[in-house]
Amino acid sequence: MMFDFLRSSPTAYLKRAATLLEEAQMARIEHQAAAEHHSALARMYAERVRRLESELYRPQQPAGAETPKVSEERPQPQLYSLDAGRRAGATSAS
């Protein structure tokens, strides 16, 4: 009688299995949400790479070429740095 707690009951195993199933389902939902978040970040960074590459590799105008009118100019996108000590818009070449 003293060691009755060591005997496993059939319902204890089923309760434990149900708990493990619920934990696994919650983990799946959490990982799906994280995967959606990372997918959105990947798309965002792909777009950022495209924009930055177009800025870096855009053909430069010759020195004597006519400059476009102000109304025709496209506004320059703001460049952001992850380093808080750098100015906004500063590039690594600065």
N, C-alpha and C. Protein backbone atom coordinates (compact mmCIF):
# COMPACT_ATOMS: atom_id res chain seq x y z
N MET A 1 0.81 -1.20 0.00
CA MET A 1 0.00 0.00 0.00
C MET A 1 0.85 1.27 0.00
N MET A 2 2.01 1.17 0.59
CA MET A 2 2.85 2.34 0.72
C MET A 2 3.36 2.81 -0.65
N PHE A 3 3.59 1.90 -1.59
CA PHE A 3 4.12 2.26 -2.89
C PHE A 3 3.07 2.17 -3.99
N ASP A 4 1.83 2.39 -3.68
CA ASP A 4 0.77 2.36 -4.68
C ASP A 4 0.95 3.45 -5.74
N PHE A 5 1.59 4.55 -5.36
CA PHE A 5 1.76 5.65 -6.32
C PHE A 5 2.71 5.26 -7.46
N LEU A 6 3.51 4.21 -7.28
CA LEU A 6 4.42 3.76 -8.33
C LEU A 6 3.71 2.98 -9.43
N ARG A 7 2.58 2.42 -9.10
CA ARG A 7 1.81 1.69 -10.12
C ARG A 7 1.13 2.70 -11.03
N SER A 8 1.21 2.46 -12.31
CA SER A 8 0.57 3.38 -13.25
C SER A 8 -0.84 2.88 -13.55
N SER A 9 -1.73 3.82 -13.57
CA SER A 9 -3.10 3.46 -13.94
C SER A 9 -3.27 3.68 -15.43
N PRO A 10 -4.16 2.96 -16.06
CA PRO A 10 -4.36 3.12 -17.52
C PRO A 10 -4.82 4.54 -17.87
N THR A 11 -5.57 5.18 -17.01
CA THR A 11 -6.05 6.53 -17.32
C THR A 11 -4.93 7.56 -17.20
N ALA A 12 -3.94 7.31 -16.35
CA ALA A 12 -2.82 8.24 -16.20
C ALA A 12 -2.04 8.34 -17.51
N TYR A 13 -1.82 7.21 -18.16
CA TYR A 13 -1.11 7.23 -19.44
C TYR A 13 -1.90 8.00 -20.49
N LEU A 14 -3.22 7.79 -20.53
CA LEU A 14 -4.05 8.49 -21.51
C LEU A 14 -4.07 9.99 -21.23
N LYS A 15 -4.12 10.37 -19.96
CA LYS A 15 -4.09 11.79 -19.61
C LYS A 15 -2.76 12.42 -20.04
N ARG A 16 -1.67 11.71 -19.80
CA ARG A 16 -0.34 12.21 -20.18
C ARG A 16 -0.24 12.32 -21.70
N ALA A 17 -0.73 11.34 -22.42
CA ALA A 17 -0.70 11.38 -23.88
C ALA A 17 -1.53 12.54 -24.40
N ALA A 18 -2.69 12.80 -23.79
CA ALA A 18 -3.53 13.92 -24.21
C ALA A 18 -2.82 15.25 -23.95
N THR A 19 -2.13 15.35 -22.82
CA THR A 19 -1.37 16.58 -22.51
C THR A 19 -0.25 16.78 -23.53
N LEU A 20 0.47 15.71 -23.85
CA LEU A 20 1.55 15.81 -24.84
C LEU A 20 1.01 16.18 -26.21
N LEU A 21 -0.14 15.65 -26.58
CA LEU A 21 -0.75 15.98 -27.86
C LEU A 21 -1.11 17.47 -27.90
N GLU A 22 -1.69 17.98 -26.84
CA GLU A 22 -2.06 19.40 -26.79
C GLU A 22 -0.82 20.29 -26.88
N GLU A 23 0.26 19.90 -26.18
CA GLU A 23 1.50 20.68 -26.25
C GLU A 23 2.08 20.66 -27.66
N ALA A 24 2.02 19.51 -28.31
CA ALA A 24 2.53 19.41 -29.68
C ALA A 24 1.71 20.26 -30.64
N GLN A 25 0.40 20.28 -30.46
CA GLN A 25 -0.46 21.11 -31.32
C GLN A 25 -0.17 22.59 -31.10
N MET A 26 0.03 23.00 -29.87
CA MET A 26 0.35 24.40 -29.59
C MET A 26 1.71 24.78 -30.19
N ALA A 27 2.69 23.89 -30.07
CA ALA A 27 4.00 24.16 -30.65
C ALA A 27 3.91 24.28 -32.17
N ARG A 28 3.08 23.45 -32.80
CA ARG A 28 2.89 23.53 -34.25
C ARG A 28 2.31 24.88 -34.64
N ILE A 29 1.30 25.33 -33.90
CA ILE A 29 0.67 26.63 -34.19
C ILE A 29 1.68 27.76 -34.01
N GLU A 30 2.46 27.71 -32.93
CA GLU A 30 3.46 28.75 -32.69
C GLU A 30 4.51 28.77 -33.79
N HIS A 31 4.95 27.60 -34.24
CA HIS A 31 5.96 27.54 -35.29
C HIS A 31 5.40 27.97 -36.65
N GLN A 32 4.13 27.69 -36.90
CA GLN A 32 3.51 28.16 -38.14
C GLN A 32 3.45 29.69 -38.14
N ALA A 33 3.10 30.28 -37.00
CA ALA A 33 3.05 31.74 -36.91
C ALA A 33 4.45 32.32 -37.11
N ALA A 34 5.46 31.70 -36.52
CA ALA A 34 6.84 32.17 -36.69
C ALA A 34 7.28 32.02 -38.15
N ALA A 35 6.88 30.93 -38.79
CA ALA A 35 7.24 30.73 -40.20
C ALA A 35 6.60 31.80 -41.08
N GLU A 36 5.35 32.16 -40.81
CA GLU A 36 4.70 33.22 -41.57
C GLU A 36 5.42 34.55 -41.35
N HIS A 37 5.84 34.81 -40.12
CA HIS A 37 6.57 36.04 -39.82
C HIS A 37 7.90 36.07 -40.57
N HIS A 38 8.63 34.97 -40.54
CA HIS A 38 9.92 34.93 -41.22
C HIS A 38 9.76 35.00 -42.74
N SER A 39 8.70 34.44 -43.25
CA SER A 39 8.43 34.54 -44.68
C SER A 39 8.18 35.99 -45.08
N ALA A 40 7.41 36.69 -44.25
CA ALA A 40 7.16 38.11 -44.52
C ALA A 40 8.45 38.91 -44.45
N LEU A 41 9.31 38.60 -43.48
CA LEU A 41 10.60 39.29 -43.38
C LEU A 41 11.47 39.00 -44.60
N ALA A 42 11.46 37.77 -45.06
CA ALA A 42 12.26 37.41 -46.24
C ALA A 42 11.79 38.20 -47.46
N ARG A 43 10.46 38.32 -47.63
CA ARG A 43 9.94 39.11 -48.75
C ARG A 43 10.33 40.58 -48.61
N MET A 44 10.25 41.11 -47.39
CA MET A 44 10.61 42.50 -47.15
C MET A 44 12.08 42.74 -47.49
N TYR A 45 12.96 41.83 -47.03
CA TYR A 45 14.38 42.01 -47.31
C TYR A 45 14.70 41.81 -48.78
N ALA A 46 13.99 40.94 -49.46
CA ALA A 46 14.20 40.78 -50.91
C ALA A 46 13.85 42.08 -51.63
N GLU A 47 12.77 42.72 -51.21
CA GLU A 47 12.39 44.01 -51.79
C GLU A 47 13.44 45.08 -51.47
N ARG A 48 13.95 45.06 -50.26
CA ARG A 48 14.97 46.03 -49.86
C ARG A 48 16.24 45.82 -50.68
N VAL A 49 16.64 44.57 -50.88
CA VAL A 49 17.81 44.28 -51.70
C VAL A 49 17.59 44.80 -53.11
N ARG A 50 16.39 44.59 -53.67
CA ARG A 50 16.10 45.07 -55.02
C ARG A 50 16.23 46.59 -55.09
N ARG A 51 15.66 47.28 -54.10
CA ARG A 51 15.74 48.75 -54.09
C ARG A 51 17.18 49.23 -53.96
N LEU A 52 17.94 48.64 -53.04
CA LEU A 52 19.32 49.07 -52.83
C LEU A 52 20.18 48.76 -54.05
N GLU A 53 19.97 47.61 -54.67
CA GLU A 53 20.73 47.29 -55.88
C GLU A 53 20.41 48.26 -56.99
N SER A 54 19.14 48.65 -57.11
CA SER A 54 18.79 49.61 -58.17
C SER A 54 19.43 50.96 -57.89
N GLU A 55 19.59 51.32 -56.61
CA GLU A 55 20.26 52.57 -56.28
C GLU A 55 21.76 52.48 -56.56
N LEU A 56 22.36 51.36 -56.24
CA LEU A 56 23.80 51.21 -56.42
C LEU A 56 24.19 51.06 -57.88
N TYR A 57 23.40 50.32 -58.63
CA TYR A 57 23.79 49.97 -60.00
C TYR A 57 23.06 50.79 -61.05
N ARG A 58 22.37 51.85 -60.64
CA ARG A 58 21.69 52.73 -61.61
C ARG A 58 22.75 53.41 -62.46
N PRO A 59 22.56 53.48 -63.76
CA PRO A 59 23.55 54.15 -64.62
C PRO A 59 23.73 55.61 -64.20
N GLN A 60 24.98 56.03 -64.06
CA GLN A 60 25.28 57.41 -63.68
C GLN A 60 25.30 58.28 -64.94
N GLN A 61 24.85 59.53 -64.78
CA GLN A 61 24.84 60.46 -65.91
C GLN A 61 26.24 61.03 -66.10
N PRO A 62 26.65 61.23 -67.35
CA PRO A 62 27.95 61.88 -67.60
C PRO A 62 27.96 63.30 -67.02
N ALA A 63 29.16 63.84 -66.80
CA ALA A 63 29.30 65.15 -66.16
C ALA A 63 28.62 66.26 -66.96
N GLY A 64 28.66 66.22 -68.29
CA GLY A 64 28.08 67.28 -69.11
C GLY A 64 26.62 67.06 -69.44
N ALA A 65 26.03 65.99 -68.97
CA ALA A 65 24.63 65.68 -69.31
C ALA A 65 23.69 66.62 -68.59
N GLU A 66 22.55 66.83 -69.23
CA GLU A 66 21.53 67.70 -68.64
C GLU A 66 20.92 66.99 -67.43
N THR A 67 20.78 67.75 -66.34
CA THR A 67 20.18 67.16 -65.14
C THR A 67 18.66 67.24 -65.27
N PRO A 68 17.95 66.25 -64.75
CA PRO A 68 16.49 66.28 -64.85
C PRO A 68 15.90 67.41 -64.01
N LYS A 69 14.73 67.87 -64.42
CA LYS A 69 14.05 68.93 -63.68
C LYS A 69 13.63 68.39 -62.32
N VAL A 70 13.46 69.30 -61.38
CA VAL A 70 13.10 68.90 -60.02
C VAL A 70 11.78 68.15 -60.00
N SER A 71 10.83 68.58 -60.83
CA SER A 71 9.52 67.94 -60.84
C SER A 71 9.59 66.52 -61.38
N GLU A 72 10.60 66.21 -62.20
CA GLU A 72 10.74 64.89 -62.78
C GLU A 72 11.57 63.95 -61.90
N GLU A 73 12.27 64.51 -60.92
CA GLU A 73 13.13 63.67 -60.09
C GLU A 73 12.31 62.77 -59.18
N ARG A 74 12.82 61.60 -59.02
CA ARG A 74 12.23 60.67 -58.08
C ARG A 74 12.81 60.95 -56.71
N PRO A 75 12.00 60.97 -55.66
CA PRO A 75 12.59 61.18 -54.33
C PRO A 75 13.49 60.00 -53.96
N GLN A 76 14.62 60.31 -53.36
CA GLN A 76 15.55 59.26 -52.96
C GLN A 76 15.00 58.54 -51.74
N PRO A 77 15.02 57.19 -51.76
CA PRO A 77 14.54 56.46 -50.58
C PRO A 77 15.50 56.66 -49.42
N GLN A 78 14.95 56.67 -48.22
CA GLN A 78 15.76 56.83 -47.01
C GLN A 78 16.48 55.51 -46.71
N LEU A 79 17.77 55.58 -46.47
CA LEU A 79 18.53 54.40 -46.10
C LEU A 79 18.61 54.37 -44.58
N TYR A 80 18.43 53.21 -44.01
CA TYR A 80 18.45 53.07 -42.56
C TYR A 80 19.61 52.18 -42.15
N SER A 81 20.16 52.47 -41.00
CA SER A 81 21.26 51.70 -40.47
C SER A 81 20.82 50.98 -39.21
N LEU A 82 21.34 49.77 -39.00
CA LEU A 82 21.07 49.05 -37.77
C LEU A 82 21.94 49.57 -36.64
N ASP A 83 23.00 50.29 -36.99
CA ASP A 83 23.91 50.84 -35.99
C ASP A 83 23.36 52.19 -35.52
N ALA A 84 23.01 52.29 -34.25
CA ALA A 84 22.38 53.51 -33.73
C ALA A 84 23.33 54.69 -33.76
N GLY A 85 24.64 54.46 -33.82
CA GLY A 85 25.60 55.56 -33.82
C GLY A 85 25.73 56.23 -35.16
N ARG A 86 25.19 55.65 -36.21
CA ARG A 86 25.31 56.23 -37.54
C ARG A 86 24.14 57.12 -37.84
N ARG A 87 24.37 58.10 -38.70
CA ARG A 87 23.28 58.99 -39.10
C ARG A 87 22.34 58.26 -40.05
N ALA A 88 21.06 58.62 -40.01
CA ALA A 88 20.10 58.07 -40.97
C ALA A 88 20.51 58.54 -42.35
N GLY A 89 20.49 57.64 -43.30
CA GLY A 89 20.86 58.01 -44.67
C GLY A 89 22.33 57.82 -44.95
N ALA A 90 23.13 57.59 -43.92
CA ALA A 90 24.56 57.39 -44.12
C ALA A 90 24.80 56.00 -44.67
N THR A 91 25.76 55.89 -45.55
CA THR A 91 26.11 54.58 -46.08
C THR A 91 27.37 54.09 -45.42
N SER A 92 27.72 52.84 -45.63
CA SER A 92 28.92 52.29 -45.02
C SER A 92 30.18 52.90 -45.63
N ALA A 93 30.07 53.49 -46.80
CA ALA A 93 31.21 54.12 -47.46
C ALA A 93 31.49 55.49 -46.86
N SER A 94 30.59 56.05 -46.09
CA SER A 94 30.78 57.39 -45.52
C SER A 94 31.77 57.39 -44.39
